[in-house]
Amino acid sequence: MEATRICLVRHGETTWNAEKRIQGQIDIGLNAAGLVQAQAAADWLAGQPVTALYSSDLLRARQTAERLAVSLNLLPRFRPAFRERRYGLFEGLTYDESRARYPADYHSFETRDPEFVIPFGGESLQQLYERVSAGLRQLAIEHFGQVIVVVTHGGVLDIVNRLVRGNPLSSPRDFLIPNAGINWVSVCGDSWRLETWGGTEHLSMFGLDELP
């Protein structure tokens, strides 16, 4: 059976990334460094045999995807399934501010309780997993045997890595998720494979991973 290859690109840097401020689904655009990173990723992927380009519909992902679209000569298709996790009451705060203001909730977040739903409209890791995995599986069906690109977010990529490697949602993160990093996975039937992760060869001066 032929495999579907999926290149997942994290959006470029935003000012809030640099400040270690939790964005969630607040619609923050790229900063100057992020625009350079996005273009570097686009240049790196130019010439790949990509048949479709997908993106989260949040601004920072859209701006990244727009640069990839020019290099790949494709129109981006926007899928809310690949939006960042909803972080509820943490959105707009730094990680340190979140810990100080909501210590009990932050503890559940920091220790990766899969069923913990962040108050005030947030998602649990399990809910995020179901959203992201369903979205990825749908793309694999729609593009069987093809090569596609998805522009998305750090929280989504955290889920993808665990899905592909078969690791629990609750396990500590043992991988990097740099801004504009390039990640390749493939799927054949129900079997997922991690090809490369967190590639930053195209980012000589950039590649921020501000996640805790």
N, C-alpha and C. Protein backbone atom coordinates (compact mmCIF):
# COMPACT_ATOMS: atom_id res chain seq x y z
N MET A 1 0.85 -1.20 0.00
CA MET A 1 0.00 0.00 0.00
C MET A 1 0.88 1.25 0.00
N GLU A 2 0.50 2.22 -0.80
CA GLU A 2 1.29 3.44 -0.92
C GLU A 2 1.05 4.36 0.26
N ALA A 3 2.11 5.03 0.72
CA ALA A 3 2.02 5.92 1.88
C ALA A 3 1.66 7.34 1.44
N THR A 4 0.97 8.03 2.32
CA THR A 4 0.75 9.47 2.18
C THR A 4 1.78 10.18 3.04
N ARG A 5 2.50 11.13 2.47
CA ARG A 5 3.50 11.88 3.21
C ARG A 5 2.95 13.26 3.55
N ILE A 6 3.10 13.64 4.80
CA ILE A 6 2.58 14.92 5.28
C ILE A 6 3.72 15.73 5.89
N CYS A 7 3.95 16.91 5.34
CA CYS A 7 4.93 17.85 5.89
C CYS A 7 4.18 18.86 6.74
N LEU A 8 4.48 18.89 8.03
CA LEU A 8 3.83 19.82 8.95
C LEU A 8 4.80 20.92 9.32
N VAL A 9 4.38 22.16 9.11
CA VAL A 9 5.24 23.32 9.35
C VAL A 9 4.60 24.17 10.45
N ARG A 10 5.36 24.44 11.49
CA ARG A 10 4.85 25.37 12.49
C ARG A 10 4.95 26.79 11.95
N HIS A 11 3.97 27.62 12.30
CA HIS A 11 4.00 29.02 11.87
C HIS A 11 5.26 29.72 12.36
N GLY A 12 5.59 30.83 11.72
CA GLY A 12 6.73 31.64 12.14
C GLY A 12 6.47 32.32 13.47
N GLU A 13 7.50 32.98 13.95
CA GLU A 13 7.45 33.60 15.28
C GLU A 13 6.50 34.79 15.32
N THR A 14 5.84 34.94 16.48
CA THR A 14 5.05 36.13 16.78
C THR A 14 5.68 36.84 17.97
N THR A 15 5.27 38.07 18.20
CA THR A 15 5.76 38.79 19.37
C THR A 15 5.40 38.05 20.64
N TRP A 16 4.22 37.45 20.67
CA TRP A 16 3.80 36.71 21.86
C TRP A 16 4.64 35.46 22.07
N ASN A 17 5.08 34.80 21.00
CA ASN A 17 6.02 33.70 21.16
C ASN A 17 7.28 34.18 21.87
N ALA A 18 7.81 35.30 21.40
CA ALA A 18 9.05 35.83 21.96
C ALA A 18 8.88 36.20 23.43
N GLU A 19 7.67 36.61 23.81
CA GLU A 19 7.38 36.99 25.20
C GLU A 19 6.97 35.79 26.05
N LYS A 20 6.91 34.59 25.46
CA LYS A 20 6.40 33.39 26.13
C LYS A 20 4.98 33.61 26.64
N ARG A 21 4.17 34.26 25.79
CA ARG A 21 2.78 34.56 26.11
C ARG A 21 1.88 33.57 25.37
N ILE A 22 0.90 33.04 26.07
CA ILE A 22 0.06 31.97 25.53
C ILE A 22 -0.97 32.56 24.58
N GLN A 23 -0.93 32.14 23.34
CA GLN A 23 -1.81 32.70 22.31
C GLN A 23 -3.11 31.93 22.20
N GLY A 24 -3.01 30.59 22.18
CA GLY A 24 -4.22 29.81 21.95
C GLY A 24 -4.86 30.21 20.63
N GLN A 25 -6.13 30.53 20.67
CA GLN A 25 -6.82 30.92 19.45
C GLN A 25 -7.00 32.43 19.31
N ILE A 26 -6.27 33.20 20.14
CA ILE A 26 -6.21 34.65 19.92
C ILE A 26 -5.44 34.88 18.62
N ASP A 27 -5.93 35.76 17.77
CA ASP A 27 -5.44 35.84 16.39
C ASP A 27 -4.28 36.82 16.25
N ILE A 28 -3.09 36.36 16.61
CA ILE A 28 -1.88 37.18 16.57
C ILE A 28 -1.14 36.92 15.26
N GLY A 29 -0.65 37.99 14.63
CA GLY A 29 0.10 37.84 13.39
C GLY A 29 1.59 37.65 13.63
N LEU A 30 2.31 37.34 12.57
CA LEU A 30 3.76 37.15 12.65
C LEU A 30 4.48 38.47 12.90
N ASN A 31 5.60 38.39 13.62
CA ASN A 31 6.45 39.56 13.72
C ASN A 31 7.47 39.55 12.58
N ALA A 32 8.39 40.50 12.57
CA ALA A 32 9.35 40.61 11.46
C ALA A 32 10.18 39.33 11.33
N ALA A 33 10.63 38.80 12.46
CA ALA A 33 11.41 37.56 12.41
C ALA A 33 10.57 36.41 11.88
N GLY A 34 9.31 36.37 12.27
CA GLY A 34 8.43 35.30 11.82
C GLY A 34 8.19 35.33 10.32
N LEU A 35 8.11 36.51 9.75
CA LEU A 35 7.95 36.62 8.31
C LEU A 35 9.19 36.10 7.57
N VAL A 36 10.37 36.40 8.12
CA VAL A 36 11.60 35.89 7.53
C VAL A 36 11.65 34.36 7.64
N GLN A 37 11.27 33.83 8.79
CA GLN A 37 11.24 32.38 8.99
C GLN A 37 10.29 31.71 8.00
N ALA A 38 9.11 32.30 7.84
CA ALA A 38 8.12 31.72 6.93
C ALA A 38 8.66 31.68 5.51
N GLN A 39 9.33 32.74 5.10
CA GLN A 39 9.90 32.76 3.76
C GLN A 39 11.01 31.73 3.62
N ALA A 40 11.80 31.56 4.68
CA ALA A 40 12.88 30.56 4.64
C ALA A 40 12.30 29.16 4.48
N ALA A 41 11.21 28.87 5.20
CA ALA A 41 10.56 27.56 5.06
C ALA A 41 10.01 27.39 3.65
N ALA A 42 9.44 28.46 3.11
CA ALA A 42 8.88 28.40 1.75
C ALA A 42 9.98 28.11 0.73
N ASP A 43 11.11 28.79 0.87
CA ASP A 43 12.23 28.57 -0.06
C ASP A 43 12.75 27.14 0.05
N TRP A 44 12.80 26.61 1.27
CA TRP A 44 13.31 25.27 1.51
C TRP A 44 12.43 24.20 0.86
N LEU A 45 11.12 24.44 0.87
CA LEU A 45 10.18 23.44 0.36
C LEU A 45 9.91 23.59 -1.15
N ALA A 46 10.40 24.67 -1.73
CA ALA A 46 10.18 24.87 -3.17
C ALA A 46 10.75 23.67 -3.95
N GLY A 47 9.97 23.19 -4.89
CA GLY A 47 10.42 22.07 -5.70
C GLY A 47 9.99 20.71 -5.19
N GLN A 48 9.47 20.66 -3.96
CA GLN A 48 8.94 19.39 -3.45
C GLN A 48 7.67 19.03 -4.24
N PRO A 49 7.42 17.74 -4.45
CA PRO A 49 6.25 17.33 -5.25
C PRO A 49 4.95 17.38 -4.45
N VAL A 50 4.62 18.56 -3.96
CA VAL A 50 3.46 18.74 -3.08
C VAL A 50 2.21 18.96 -3.93
N THR A 51 1.14 18.23 -3.60
CA THR A 51 -0.10 18.34 -4.38
C THR A 51 -1.16 19.20 -3.70
N ALA A 52 -1.01 19.46 -2.39
CA ALA A 52 -2.02 20.27 -1.69
C ALA A 52 -1.40 20.93 -0.48
N LEU A 53 -1.87 22.13 -0.18
CA LEU A 53 -1.38 22.92 0.95
C LEU A 53 -2.55 23.26 1.84
N TYR A 54 -2.46 22.86 3.11
CA TYR A 54 -3.49 23.15 4.09
C TYR A 54 -2.91 24.01 5.21
N SER A 55 -3.81 24.69 5.93
CA SER A 55 -3.35 25.54 7.02
C SER A 55 -4.47 25.73 8.03
N SER A 56 -4.05 25.92 9.28
CA SER A 56 -4.95 26.51 10.27
C SER A 56 -5.45 27.84 9.72
N ASP A 57 -6.65 28.25 10.13
CA ASP A 57 -7.18 29.52 9.65
C ASP A 57 -6.84 30.70 10.56
N LEU A 58 -6.00 30.48 11.58
CA LEU A 58 -5.54 31.59 12.41
C LEU A 58 -4.48 32.39 11.66
N LEU A 59 -4.42 33.69 11.93
CA LEU A 59 -3.62 34.62 11.13
C LEU A 59 -2.16 34.21 11.02
N ARG A 60 -1.54 33.84 12.13
CA ARG A 60 -0.10 33.52 12.09
C ARG A 60 0.19 32.32 11.20
N ALA A 61 -0.74 31.37 11.15
CA ALA A 61 -0.58 30.22 10.25
C ALA A 61 -0.88 30.63 8.81
N ARG A 62 -1.92 31.44 8.62
CA ARG A 62 -2.27 31.89 7.27
C ARG A 62 -1.13 32.67 6.64
N GLN A 63 -0.51 33.56 7.41
CA GLN A 63 0.61 34.35 6.87
C GLN A 63 1.78 33.45 6.48
N THR A 64 2.02 32.41 7.25
CA THR A 64 3.07 31.45 6.91
C THR A 64 2.69 30.69 5.65
N ALA A 65 1.45 30.22 5.60
CA ALA A 65 0.99 29.44 4.45
C ALA A 65 1.01 30.26 3.16
N GLU A 66 0.73 31.54 3.26
CA GLU A 66 0.72 32.39 2.06
C GLU A 66 2.09 32.40 1.39
N ARG A 67 3.15 32.37 2.18
CA ARG A 67 4.50 32.35 1.61
C ARG A 67 4.82 30.98 1.02
N LEU A 68 4.39 29.93 1.67
CA LEU A 68 4.57 28.59 1.11
C LEU A 68 3.80 28.44 -0.19
N ALA A 69 2.62 29.06 -0.24
CA ALA A 69 1.76 28.93 -1.42
C ALA A 69 2.46 29.44 -2.68
N VAL A 70 3.21 30.55 -2.54
CA VAL A 70 3.91 31.12 -3.69
C VAL A 70 5.00 30.15 -4.16
N SER A 71 5.78 29.61 -3.22
CA SER A 71 6.87 28.70 -3.58
C SER A 71 6.36 27.39 -4.18
N LEU A 72 5.22 26.92 -3.67
CA LEU A 72 4.69 25.64 -4.12
C LEU A 72 3.69 25.78 -5.27
N ASN A 73 3.34 27.04 -5.59
CA ASN A 73 2.36 27.31 -6.65
C ASN A 73 1.03 26.60 -6.36
N LEU A 74 0.58 26.75 -5.11
CA LEU A 74 -0.68 26.13 -4.68
C LEU A 74 -1.50 27.16 -3.90
N LEU A 75 -2.80 27.01 -3.94
CA LEU A 75 -3.68 27.83 -3.11
C LEU A 75 -3.86 27.14 -1.76
N PRO A 76 -3.64 27.87 -0.64
CA PRO A 76 -3.83 27.23 0.67
C PRO A 76 -5.32 26.99 0.95
N ARG A 77 -5.60 25.86 1.57
CA ARG A 77 -6.95 25.53 2.02
C ARG A 77 -6.94 25.56 3.54
N PHE A 78 -7.90 26.26 4.12
CA PHE A 78 -7.87 26.51 5.56
C PHE A 78 -8.80 25.54 6.30
N ARG A 79 -8.25 24.89 7.33
CA ARG A 79 -8.98 23.89 8.09
C ARG A 79 -8.91 24.23 9.59
N PRO A 80 -10.05 24.55 10.21
CA PRO A 80 -10.06 24.85 11.65
C PRO A 80 -9.59 23.68 12.51
N ALA A 81 -9.61 22.46 11.97
CA ALA A 81 -9.13 21.30 12.74
C ALA A 81 -7.69 21.46 13.17
N PHE A 82 -6.93 22.31 12.45
CA PHE A 82 -5.51 22.47 12.75
C PHE A 82 -5.20 23.77 13.48
N ARG A 83 -6.24 24.38 14.06
CA ARG A 83 -6.02 25.54 14.93
C ARG A 83 -5.28 25.12 16.20
N GLU A 84 -4.65 26.12 16.84
CA GLU A 84 -4.01 25.89 18.13
C GLU A 84 -5.04 25.42 19.16
N ARG A 85 -4.55 24.79 20.20
CA ARG A 85 -5.41 24.41 21.33
C ARG A 85 -6.06 25.65 21.92
N ARG A 86 -7.28 25.50 22.40
CA ARG A 86 -7.93 26.58 23.15
C ARG A 86 -7.42 26.51 24.60
N TYR A 87 -6.74 27.58 25.02
CA TYR A 87 -6.12 27.59 26.35
C TYR A 87 -6.95 28.33 27.40
N GLY A 88 -8.17 28.71 27.07
CA GLY A 88 -9.09 29.25 28.08
C GLY A 88 -8.51 30.41 28.86
N LEU A 89 -8.56 30.29 30.19
CA LEU A 89 -8.14 31.42 31.04
C LEU A 89 -6.66 31.74 30.97
N PHE A 90 -5.86 30.86 30.35
CA PHE A 90 -4.43 31.16 30.21
C PHE A 90 -4.14 32.07 29.01
N GLU A 91 -5.06 32.18 28.08
CA GLU A 91 -4.79 32.93 26.85
C GLU A 91 -4.52 34.41 27.17
N GLY A 92 -3.45 34.93 26.62
CA GLY A 92 -3.05 36.32 26.85
C GLY A 92 -2.07 36.49 27.98
N LEU A 93 -1.88 35.44 28.80
CA LEU A 93 -0.93 35.49 29.91
C LEU A 93 0.37 34.79 29.52
N THR A 94 1.46 35.17 30.18
CA THR A 94 2.68 34.39 30.02
C THR A 94 2.53 33.10 30.84
N TYR A 95 3.45 32.17 30.61
CA TYR A 95 3.41 30.93 31.39
C TYR A 95 3.61 31.23 32.88
N ASP A 96 4.51 32.15 33.19
CA ASP A 96 4.75 32.50 34.60
C ASP A 96 3.53 33.16 35.22
N GLU A 97 2.88 34.05 34.47
CA GLU A 97 1.66 34.69 35.00
C GLU A 97 0.55 33.67 35.22
N SER A 98 0.43 32.73 34.30
CA SER A 98 -0.60 31.69 34.43
C SER A 98 -0.37 30.85 35.68
N ARG A 99 0.90 30.50 35.93
CA ARG A 99 1.24 29.70 37.11
C ARG A 99 0.94 30.46 38.39
N ALA A 100 1.25 31.77 38.40
CA ALA A 100 1.06 32.57 39.60
C ALA A 100 -0.42 32.84 39.89
N ARG A 101 -1.22 33.08 38.85
CA ARG A 101 -2.62 33.45 39.06
C ARG A 101 -3.52 32.24 39.28
N TYR A 102 -3.21 31.14 38.63
CA TYR A 102 -4.08 29.96 38.67
C TYR A 102 -3.25 28.71 38.98
N PRO A 103 -2.68 28.64 40.18
CA PRO A 103 -1.72 27.56 40.46
C PRO A 103 -2.31 26.16 40.33
N ALA A 104 -3.53 25.94 40.79
CA ALA A 104 -4.11 24.60 40.72
C ALA A 104 -4.37 24.20 39.26
N ASP A 105 -4.97 25.12 38.50
CA ASP A 105 -5.24 24.84 37.09
C ASP A 105 -3.92 24.66 36.32
N TYR A 106 -2.94 25.49 36.63
CA TYR A 106 -1.68 25.40 35.91
C TYR A 106 -0.99 24.07 36.21
N HIS A 107 -1.11 23.60 37.45
CA HIS A 107 -0.51 22.31 37.79
C HIS A 107 -1.09 21.18 36.93
N SER A 108 -2.42 21.20 36.76
CA SER A 108 -3.06 20.17 35.92
C SER A 108 -2.61 20.30 34.47
N PHE A 109 -2.42 21.54 34.03
CA PHE A 109 -1.93 21.79 32.67
C PHE A 109 -0.48 21.33 32.52
N GLU A 110 0.35 21.72 33.47
CA GLU A 110 1.78 21.46 33.39
C GLU A 110 2.10 19.96 33.50
N THR A 111 1.30 19.25 34.29
CA THR A 111 1.53 17.81 34.47
C THR A 111 0.82 16.99 33.40
N ARG A 112 0.19 17.66 32.43
CA ARG A 112 -0.37 17.02 31.24
C ARG A 112 -1.46 15.99 31.60
N ASP A 113 -2.38 16.41 32.44
CA ASP A 113 -3.56 15.58 32.70
C ASP A 113 -4.40 15.56 31.43
N PRO A 114 -4.54 14.42 30.74
CA PRO A 114 -5.22 14.40 29.44
C PRO A 114 -6.68 14.84 29.49
N GLU A 115 -7.32 14.65 30.65
CA GLU A 115 -8.75 14.96 30.74
C GLU A 115 -9.02 16.36 31.30
N PHE A 116 -7.98 17.09 31.68
CA PHE A 116 -8.17 18.42 32.27
C PHE A 116 -8.59 19.41 31.20
N VAL A 117 -9.80 19.93 31.34
CA VAL A 117 -10.32 20.95 30.43
C VAL A 117 -9.99 22.32 31.03
N ILE A 118 -9.20 23.11 30.35
CA ILE A 118 -8.82 24.43 30.87
C ILE A 118 -10.09 25.29 30.98
N PRO A 119 -10.35 25.86 32.16
CA PRO A 119 -11.58 26.64 32.35
C PRO A 119 -11.72 27.81 31.38
N PHE A 120 -12.95 28.28 31.24
CA PHE A 120 -13.31 29.42 30.39
C PHE A 120 -13.02 29.14 28.91
N GLY A 121 -13.57 28.04 28.43
CA GLY A 121 -13.54 27.78 27.00
C GLY A 121 -12.34 27.03 26.49
N GLY A 122 -11.50 26.50 27.37
CA GLY A 122 -10.32 25.77 26.94
C GLY A 122 -10.64 24.34 26.54
N GLU A 123 -9.62 23.66 26.03
CA GLU A 123 -9.73 22.26 25.63
C GLU A 123 -8.84 21.39 26.50
N SER A 124 -9.21 20.13 26.63
CA SER A 124 -8.31 19.16 27.24
C SER A 124 -7.38 18.62 26.17
N LEU A 125 -6.30 17.97 26.61
CA LEU A 125 -5.40 17.32 25.66
C LEU A 125 -6.13 16.24 24.88
N GLN A 126 -7.04 15.53 25.54
CA GLN A 126 -7.79 14.48 24.87
C GLN A 126 -8.69 15.05 23.78
N GLN A 127 -9.35 16.16 24.08
CA GLN A 127 -10.20 16.82 23.07
C GLN A 127 -9.36 17.29 21.89
N LEU A 128 -8.19 17.86 22.18
CA LEU A 128 -7.31 18.33 21.12
C LEU A 128 -6.83 17.14 20.28
N TYR A 129 -6.48 16.04 20.94
CA TYR A 129 -6.04 14.84 20.23
C TYR A 129 -7.12 14.36 19.25
N GLU A 130 -8.35 14.33 19.72
CA GLU A 130 -9.44 13.84 18.86
C GLU A 130 -9.64 14.75 17.66
N ARG A 131 -9.55 16.07 17.89
CA ARG A 131 -9.71 17.03 16.79
C ARG A 131 -8.60 16.90 15.76
N VAL A 132 -7.36 16.88 16.24
CA VAL A 132 -6.21 16.87 15.34
C VAL A 132 -6.09 15.53 14.62
N SER A 133 -6.23 14.43 15.34
CA SER A 133 -6.09 13.12 14.71
C SER A 133 -7.16 12.89 13.66
N ALA A 134 -8.39 13.34 13.94
CA ALA A 134 -9.45 13.21 12.94
C ALA A 134 -9.13 14.03 11.69
N GLY A 135 -8.60 15.24 11.89
CA GLY A 135 -8.24 16.09 10.76
C GLY A 135 -7.14 15.49 9.92
N LEU A 136 -6.12 14.92 10.57
CA LEU A 136 -5.01 14.31 9.84
C LEU A 136 -5.46 13.08 9.07
N ARG A 137 -6.26 12.25 9.72
CA ARG A 137 -6.72 11.03 9.06
C ARG A 137 -7.59 11.37 7.84
N GLN A 138 -8.38 12.42 7.96
CA GLN A 138 -9.20 12.83 6.82
C GLN A 138 -8.32 13.26 5.65
N LEU A 139 -7.26 14.01 5.92
CA LEU A 139 -6.35 14.43 4.84
C LEU A 139 -5.66 13.22 4.21
N ALA A 140 -5.30 12.24 5.04
CA ALA A 140 -4.64 11.05 4.51
C ALA A 140 -5.56 10.29 3.56
N ILE A 141 -6.86 10.28 3.87
CA ILE A 141 -7.84 9.63 2.99
C ILE A 141 -8.01 10.43 1.70
N GLU A 142 -8.13 11.74 1.84
CA GLU A 142 -8.37 12.60 0.68
C GLU A 142 -7.17 12.63 -0.27
N HIS A 143 -5.97 12.42 0.27
CA HIS A 143 -4.75 12.55 -0.54
C HIS A 143 -3.92 11.28 -0.49
N PHE A 144 -4.58 10.16 -0.60
CA PHE A 144 -3.90 8.86 -0.56
C PHE A 144 -2.74 8.81 -1.54
N GLY A 145 -1.56 8.46 -1.02
CA GLY A 145 -0.39 8.30 -1.87
C GLY A 145 0.27 9.58 -2.34
N GLN A 146 -0.20 10.73 -1.84
CA GLN A 146 0.32 12.01 -2.28
C GLN A 146 1.23 12.63 -1.21
N VAL A 147 1.79 13.78 -1.54
CA VAL A 147 2.60 14.57 -0.61
C VAL A 147 1.86 15.88 -0.36
N ILE A 148 1.58 16.19 0.90
CA ILE A 148 0.85 17.41 1.22
C ILE A 148 1.57 18.16 2.34
N VAL A 149 1.24 19.43 2.48
CA VAL A 149 1.82 20.29 3.52
C VAL A 149 0.69 20.84 4.38
N VAL A 150 0.92 20.88 5.71
CA VAL A 150 -0.03 21.46 6.66
C VAL A 150 0.71 22.47 7.52
N VAL A 151 0.24 23.70 7.55
CA VAL A 151 0.81 24.74 8.41
C VAL A 151 -0.03 24.82 9.68
N THR A 152 0.61 24.71 10.83
CA THR A 152 -0.16 24.62 12.06
C THR A 152 0.60 25.21 13.24
N HIS A 153 0.32 24.73 14.45
CA HIS A 153 0.75 25.36 15.69
C HIS A 153 1.47 24.38 16.61
N GLY A 154 2.14 24.94 17.63
CA GLY A 154 2.92 24.11 18.54
C GLY A 154 2.11 23.06 19.27
N GLY A 155 0.94 23.45 19.79
CA GLY A 155 0.12 22.49 20.50
C GLY A 155 -0.37 21.36 19.62
N VAL A 156 -0.68 21.68 18.37
CA VAL A 156 -1.10 20.67 17.41
C VAL A 156 0.05 19.72 17.09
N LEU A 157 1.24 20.27 16.91
CA LEU A 157 2.41 19.45 16.59
C LEU A 157 2.78 18.55 17.76
N ASP A 158 2.56 19.00 18.98
CA ASP A 158 2.77 18.16 20.16
C ASP A 158 1.89 16.90 20.06
N ILE A 159 0.66 17.09 19.64
CA ILE A 159 -0.27 15.97 19.48
C ILE A 159 0.17 15.06 18.34
N VAL A 160 0.56 15.65 17.22
CA VAL A 160 0.96 14.85 16.04
C VAL A 160 2.14 13.95 16.38
N ASN A 161 3.12 14.50 17.07
CA ASN A 161 4.29 13.70 17.43
C ASN A 161 3.90 12.49 18.27
N ARG A 162 2.99 12.68 19.21
CA ARG A 162 2.56 11.58 20.08
C ARG A 162 1.71 10.57 19.31
N LEU A 163 0.87 11.08 18.42
CA LEU A 163 0.06 10.19 17.58
C LEU A 163 0.95 9.28 16.76
N VAL A 164 1.94 9.86 16.11
CA VAL A 164 2.79 9.11 15.19
C VAL A 164 3.69 8.12 15.94
N ARG A 165 4.22 8.54 17.09
CA ARG A 165 5.13 7.68 17.86
C ARG A 165 4.40 6.74 18.80
N GLY A 166 3.11 6.97 19.00
CA GLY A 166 2.34 6.12 19.91
C GLY A 166 2.61 6.40 21.37
N ASN A 167 3.04 7.62 21.70
CA ASN A 167 3.35 7.97 23.08
C ASN A 167 2.14 8.57 23.78
N PRO A 168 2.03 8.38 25.11
CA PRO A 168 0.88 8.92 25.85
C PRO A 168 0.85 10.44 25.84
N LEU A 169 -0.36 10.98 25.91
CA LEU A 169 -0.52 12.43 26.01
C LEU A 169 0.09 12.98 27.29
N SER A 170 0.16 12.16 28.32
CA SER A 170 0.62 12.60 29.63
C SER A 170 2.14 12.59 29.77
N SER A 171 2.86 12.00 28.82
CA SER A 171 4.32 11.90 28.97
C SER A 171 4.98 13.25 28.72
N PRO A 172 6.07 13.55 29.44
CA PRO A 172 6.77 14.81 29.22
C PRO A 172 7.26 14.93 27.78
N ARG A 173 7.30 16.15 27.29
CA ARG A 173 7.74 16.35 25.90
C ARG A 173 9.24 16.14 25.80
N ASP A 174 9.65 15.29 24.86
CA ASP A 174 11.06 15.00 24.66
C ASP A 174 11.51 15.37 23.24
N PHE A 175 10.86 16.37 22.67
CA PHE A 175 11.16 16.81 21.32
C PHE A 175 10.93 18.32 21.23
N LEU A 176 11.59 18.96 20.26
CA LEU A 176 11.45 20.40 20.07
C LEU A 176 10.37 20.71 19.04
N ILE A 177 9.79 21.91 19.16
CA ILE A 177 8.78 22.37 18.21
C ILE A 177 9.13 23.80 17.82
N PRO A 178 10.18 24.01 17.06
CA PRO A 178 10.63 25.37 16.74
C PRO A 178 9.69 26.09 15.77
N ASN A 179 9.62 27.40 15.92
CA ASN A 179 8.88 28.20 14.95
C ASN A 179 9.43 27.97 13.56
N ALA A 180 8.53 27.73 12.61
CA ALA A 180 8.88 27.48 11.20
C ALA A 180 9.68 26.19 11.02
N GLY A 181 9.70 25.34 12.04
CA GLY A 181 10.34 24.03 11.91
C GLY A 181 9.56 23.15 10.94
N ILE A 182 10.28 22.26 10.27
CA ILE A 182 9.68 21.38 9.26
C ILE A 182 9.70 19.94 9.76
N ASN A 183 8.54 19.31 9.71
CA ASN A 183 8.37 17.97 10.25
C ASN A 183 7.71 17.09 9.19
N TRP A 184 8.26 15.89 8.98
CA TRP A 184 7.71 14.98 7.98
C TRP A 184 7.21 13.70 8.65
N VAL A 185 5.95 13.35 8.37
CA VAL A 185 5.39 12.08 8.82
C VAL A 185 4.76 11.40 7.62
N SER A 186 4.54 10.11 7.74
CA SER A 186 3.84 9.39 6.67
C SER A 186 2.87 8.41 7.29
N VAL A 187 1.85 8.06 6.52
CA VAL A 187 0.84 7.11 6.99
C VAL A 187 0.50 6.15 5.87
N CYS A 188 0.43 4.88 6.24
CA CYS A 188 0.07 3.82 5.30
C CYS A 188 -0.96 2.95 6.00
N GLY A 189 -2.21 3.04 5.57
CA GLY A 189 -3.27 2.37 6.30
C GLY A 189 -3.43 3.02 7.67
N ASP A 190 -3.30 2.21 8.74
CA ASP A 190 -3.38 2.73 10.10
C ASP A 190 -2.00 2.91 10.72
N SER A 191 -0.95 2.74 9.93
CA SER A 191 0.41 2.78 10.44
C SER A 191 1.06 4.12 10.15
N TRP A 192 1.44 4.83 11.22
CA TRP A 192 2.09 6.13 11.09
C TRP A 192 3.59 5.98 11.28
N ARG A 193 4.35 6.82 10.61
CA ARG A 193 5.81 6.78 10.74
C ARG A 193 6.36 8.20 10.81
N LEU A 194 7.27 8.42 11.75
CA LEU A 194 7.96 9.70 11.87
C LEU A 194 9.19 9.66 10.97
N GLU A 195 9.25 10.54 9.99
CA GLU A 195 10.40 10.58 9.08
C GLU A 195 11.48 11.52 9.62
N THR A 196 11.16 12.79 9.76
CA THR A 196 12.09 13.75 10.38
C THR A 196 11.27 14.72 11.22
N TRP A 197 11.91 15.30 12.24
CA TRP A 197 11.17 16.18 13.15
C TRP A 197 12.00 17.41 13.50
N GLY A 198 11.33 18.55 13.53
CA GLY A 198 11.94 19.79 14.02
C GLY A 198 13.08 20.29 13.16
N GLY A 199 13.01 20.06 11.85
CA GLY A 199 14.08 20.49 10.97
C GLY A 199 14.21 22.00 10.93
N THR A 200 15.43 22.48 11.14
CA THR A 200 15.67 23.94 11.14
C THR A 200 16.88 24.30 10.28
N GLU A 201 17.26 23.40 9.36
CA GLU A 201 18.42 23.69 8.52
C GLU A 201 18.23 24.97 7.71
N HIS A 202 16.98 25.30 7.43
CA HIS A 202 16.67 26.50 6.64
C HIS A 202 16.69 27.77 7.48
N LEU A 203 16.82 27.63 8.77
CA LEU A 203 16.76 28.78 9.69
C LEU A 203 18.14 29.03 10.28
N SER A 204 18.95 29.79 9.61
CA SER A 204 20.31 30.01 10.09
C SER A 204 20.36 30.85 11.35
N MET A 205 19.39 31.76 11.49
CA MET A 205 19.40 32.68 12.62
C MET A 205 18.17 32.53 13.51
N PHE A 206 17.24 31.67 13.09
CA PHE A 206 15.97 31.62 13.79
C PHE A 206 15.63 30.18 14.17
N GLY A 207 14.42 30.00 14.75
CA GLY A 207 13.96 28.67 15.12
C GLY A 207 13.64 28.61 16.61
N LEU A 208 12.78 29.50 17.05
CA LEU A 208 12.47 29.63 18.47
C LEU A 208 11.47 28.56 18.92
N ASP A 209 11.78 27.89 20.01
CA ASP A 209 10.84 26.98 20.66
C ASP A 209 10.61 27.53 22.06
N GLU A 210 9.53 28.29 22.20
CA GLU A 210 9.28 28.97 23.47
C GLU A 210 8.34 28.17 24.38
N LEU A 211 7.91 26.97 23.91
CA LEU A 211 6.94 26.20 24.67
C LEU A 211 7.56 25.62 25.93
N PRO A 212 6.77 25.45 27.00
CA PRO A 212 7.34 24.93 28.26
C PRO A 212 7.59 23.43 28.17
